[in-house]
């Protein structure tokens, strides 16, 4: 399918998937001490950044009038935190893929609080950018703690180029 024949839904899914893909590996093999480490008082470490990301996802879903599948937040193991991140990301992806057409993707939504105006398509792209922003932080912090950790730089590069290609298409 040529880019001209692709829908906004297709592009949104592609960008969202590309931005979340590198996050699959950020917690692989991390020890609990590195997960819980704080670079300085009051600053987020790797585990807290990951928890922040899914809490923001929860906020976006509520803003869109969608009840999040993840509501529990607490410190935990890398597997528990990664599982929460994955579940909420899969929910966002399913919501985008569940749109019947681009108009539905971009239609104003009513939040769980009754506010109107958020749009699923715009918010999904914002979330994807949020992931890449924090991926850079996590990569930096993880490399401080483990110089041998293989950062997902190729996936980050693919996501960055894909976003540029879609914006400039």
Protein backbone atom coordinates (compact mmCIF):
# COMPACT_ATOMS: atom_id res chain seq x y z
CA UNK A 1 0.00 0.00 0.00
CA UNK A 2 1.48 3.34 -0.98
CA UNK A 3 1.70 6.13 1.59
CA UNK A 4 -1.01 8.01 -0.31
CA UNK A 5 -3.48 5.19 0.28
CA UNK A 6 -2.69 4.82 3.96
CA UNK A 7 -5.02 6.23 6.56
CA UNK A 8 -4.18 8.42 9.53
CA UNK A 9 -4.97 5.33 11.58
CA UNK A 10 -2.27 3.39 9.72
CA UNK A 11 0.29 6.16 10.24
CA UNK A 12 -0.63 6.58 13.91
CA UNK A 13 -0.27 2.85 14.55
CA UNK A 14 3.07 2.77 12.76
CA UNK A 15 4.48 5.72 14.72
CA UNK A 16 3.13 4.47 18.05
CA UNK A 17 4.55 0.98 17.49
CA UNK A 18 7.94 2.37 16.44
CA UNK A 19 8.14 4.56 19.55
CA UNK A 20 7.11 1.85 21.99
CA UNK A 21 9.28 -0.89 20.48
CA UNK A 22 12.57 0.32 22.04
CA UNK A 23 10.90 0.34 25.46
CA UNK A 24 10.56 -3.45 25.29
CA UNK A 25 14.25 -3.82 26.08
CA UNK A 26 14.94 -1.03 28.58
CA UNK A 27 14.16 -3.21 31.59
CA UNK A 28 15.56 -6.51 30.25
CA UNK A 29 18.16 -7.89 32.61
CA UNK A 30 18.20 -4.88 34.92
CA UNK A 31 18.90 -5.61 38.56
CA UNK A 32 16.58 -4.33 41.26
CA UNK A 33 19.28 -1.99 42.62
CA UNK A 34 19.70 -0.36 39.20
CA UNK A 35 15.92 -0.21 38.68
CA UNK A 36 15.40 1.54 42.03
CA UNK A 37 18.51 3.76 41.88
CA UNK A 38 17.96 7.52 42.05
CA UNK A 39 20.62 9.68 40.38
CA UNK A 40 20.06 12.43 42.97
CA UNK A 41 17.50 13.25 45.63
CA UNK A 42 14.17 14.18 44.06
CA UNK A 43 15.16 12.89 40.60
CA UNK A 44 13.58 9.94 38.84
CA UNK A 45 15.63 6.85 38.19
CA UNK A 46 14.87 4.19 35.60
CA UNK A 47 12.03 2.47 37.47
CA UNK A 48 10.35 5.74 38.37
CA UNK A 49 10.60 6.99 34.77
CA UNK A 50 8.92 3.81 33.51
CA UNK A 51 6.18 4.13 36.12
CA UNK A 52 5.75 7.80 35.19
CA UNK A 53 5.26 6.82 31.53
CA UNK A 54 2.38 4.47 32.22
CA UNK A 55 0.82 6.89 34.73
CA UNK A 56 0.82 9.52 31.96
CA UNK A 57 -0.73 6.94 29.62
CA UNK A 58 -3.46 6.40 32.23
CA UNK A 59 -4.05 10.16 32.37
CA UNK A 60 -4.33 10.38 28.57
CA UNK A 61 -6.80 7.49 28.42
CA UNK A 62 -9.01 9.05 31.09
CA UNK A 63 -8.82 12.36 29.22
CA UNK A 64 -10.08 10.49 26.14
CA UNK A 65 -13.00 8.96 28.06
CA UNK A 66 -11.42 5.51 28.19
CA UNK A 67 -11.14 3.47 31.38
CA UNK A 68 -7.50 2.30 31.61
CA UNK A 69 -6.73 -1.41 31.99
CA UNK A 70 -3.90 -0.50 34.35
CA UNK A 71 -4.86 1.39 37.48
CA UNK A 72 -2.33 0.04 39.98
CA UNK A 73 0.97 1.81 40.46
CA UNK A 74 3.59 0.76 42.93
CA UNK A 75 7.26 -0.03 43.01
CA UNK A 76 7.92 -3.51 41.76
CA UNK A 77 10.22 -5.76 39.84
CA UNK A 78 11.30 -4.96 36.31
CA UNK A 79 8.91 -7.64 35.08
CA UNK A 80 5.94 -6.11 36.93
CA UNK A 81 6.68 -2.59 35.71
CA UNK A 82 7.32 -3.78 32.14
CA UNK A 83 4.05 -5.74 32.25
CA UNK A 84 2.07 -2.64 33.27
CA UNK A 85 3.75 -0.58 30.54
CA UNK A 86 3.01 -3.23 27.92
CA UNK A 87 -0.66 -3.66 28.95
CA UNK A 88 -1.44 0.06 28.78
CA UNK A 89 0.44 0.41 25.47
CA UNK A 90 -1.52 -2.48 24.01
CA UNK A 91 -4.74 -0.80 25.14
CA UNK A 92 -3.80 2.46 23.43
CA UNK A 93 -2.88 0.59 20.27
CA UNK A 94 -6.17 -1.33 20.33
CA UNK A 95 -8.11 1.92 20.74
CA UNK A 96 -6.42 3.43 17.68
CA UNK A 97 -6.85 0.26 15.61
CA UNK A 98 -10.49 0.06 16.71
CA UNK A 99 -11.37 3.36 15.03
CA UNK A 100 -13.60 2.81 12.02
CA UNK A 101 -12.08 5.70 10.10
CA UNK A 102 -9.82 8.73 10.35
CA UNK A 103 -12.74 10.94 11.38
CA UNK A 104 -13.31 8.80 14.46
CA UNK A 105 -9.57 8.87 15.24
CA UNK A 106 -9.60 12.68 15.18
CA UNK A 107 -13.03 13.29 16.71
CA UNK A 108 -13.16 15.28 19.96
CA UNK A 109 -13.66 13.00 22.94
CA UNK A 110 -15.28 13.55 26.32
CA UNK A 111 -13.08 12.69 29.28
CA UNK A 112 -14.14 10.60 32.24
CA UNK A 113 -14.42 13.96 34.06
CA UNK A 114 -16.77 15.39 31.39
CA UNK A 115 -14.23 17.66 29.65
CA UNK A 116 -14.36 17.69 25.84
CA UNK A 117 -11.73 18.25 23.20
CA UNK A 118 -8.99 15.61 23.39
CA UNK A 119 -8.47 13.60 20.20
CA UNK A 120 -7.22 10.01 20.17
CA UNK A 121 -4.98 10.47 17.11
CA UNK A 122 -3.23 13.55 18.43
CA UNK A 123 -2.85 12.09 21.90
CA UNK A 124 -1.44 8.79 20.58
CA UNK A 125 1.25 10.72 18.69
CA UNK A 126 1.96 12.83 21.78
CA UNK A 127 2.34 9.65 23.84
CA UNK A 128 4.76 8.23 21.25
CA UNK A 129 6.90 11.37 21.49
CA UNK A 130 6.75 11.11 25.28
CA UNK A 131 8.11 7.56 25.06
CA UNK A 132 11.06 8.62 22.92
CA UNK A 133 11.86 11.53 25.23
CA UNK A 134 12.05 9.24 28.25
CA UNK A 135 13.84 6.51 26.29
CA UNK A 136 16.76 8.91 25.95
CA UNK A 137 16.79 9.49 29.71
CA UNK A 138 16.55 5.80 30.52
CA UNK A 139 19.32 5.00 28.05
CA UNK A 140 21.60 7.58 29.65
CA UNK A 141 20.87 6.39 33.18
CA UNK A 142 21.17 2.72 32.29
CA UNK A 143 24.53 3.29 30.59
CA UNK A 144 25.78 5.14 33.68
CA UNK A 145 24.99 2.07 35.74
CA UNK A 146 26.06 -0.53 33.15
CA UNK A 147 28.46 0.53 30.40
CA UNK A 148 28.03 -2.85 28.68
CA UNK A 149 24.24 -2.57 28.32
CA UNK A 150 23.26 -2.66 24.65
CA UNK A 151 20.97 0.35 24.28
CA UNK A 152 18.14 0.06 21.71
CA UNK A 153 19.67 2.80 19.57
CA UNK A 154 18.78 1.16 16.24
CA UNK A 155 15.10 1.03 17.24
CA UNK A 156 15.25 4.64 18.43
CA UNK A 157 16.85 5.66 15.12
CA UNK A 158 14.15 3.82 13.13
CA UNK A 159 11.41 5.51 15.14
CA UNK A 160 12.96 8.95 14.67
CA UNK A 161 13.32 8.49 10.91
CA UNK A 162 9.81 7.06 10.60
CA UNK A 163 8.31 10.09 12.34
CA UNK A 164 10.27 12.41 10.06
CA UNK A 165 9.19 10.45 6.99
CA UNK A 166 5.52 10.61 8.01
CA UNK A 167 5.60 14.31 8.89
CA UNK A 168 7.37 15.28 5.68
CA UNK A 169 5.53 12.85 3.37
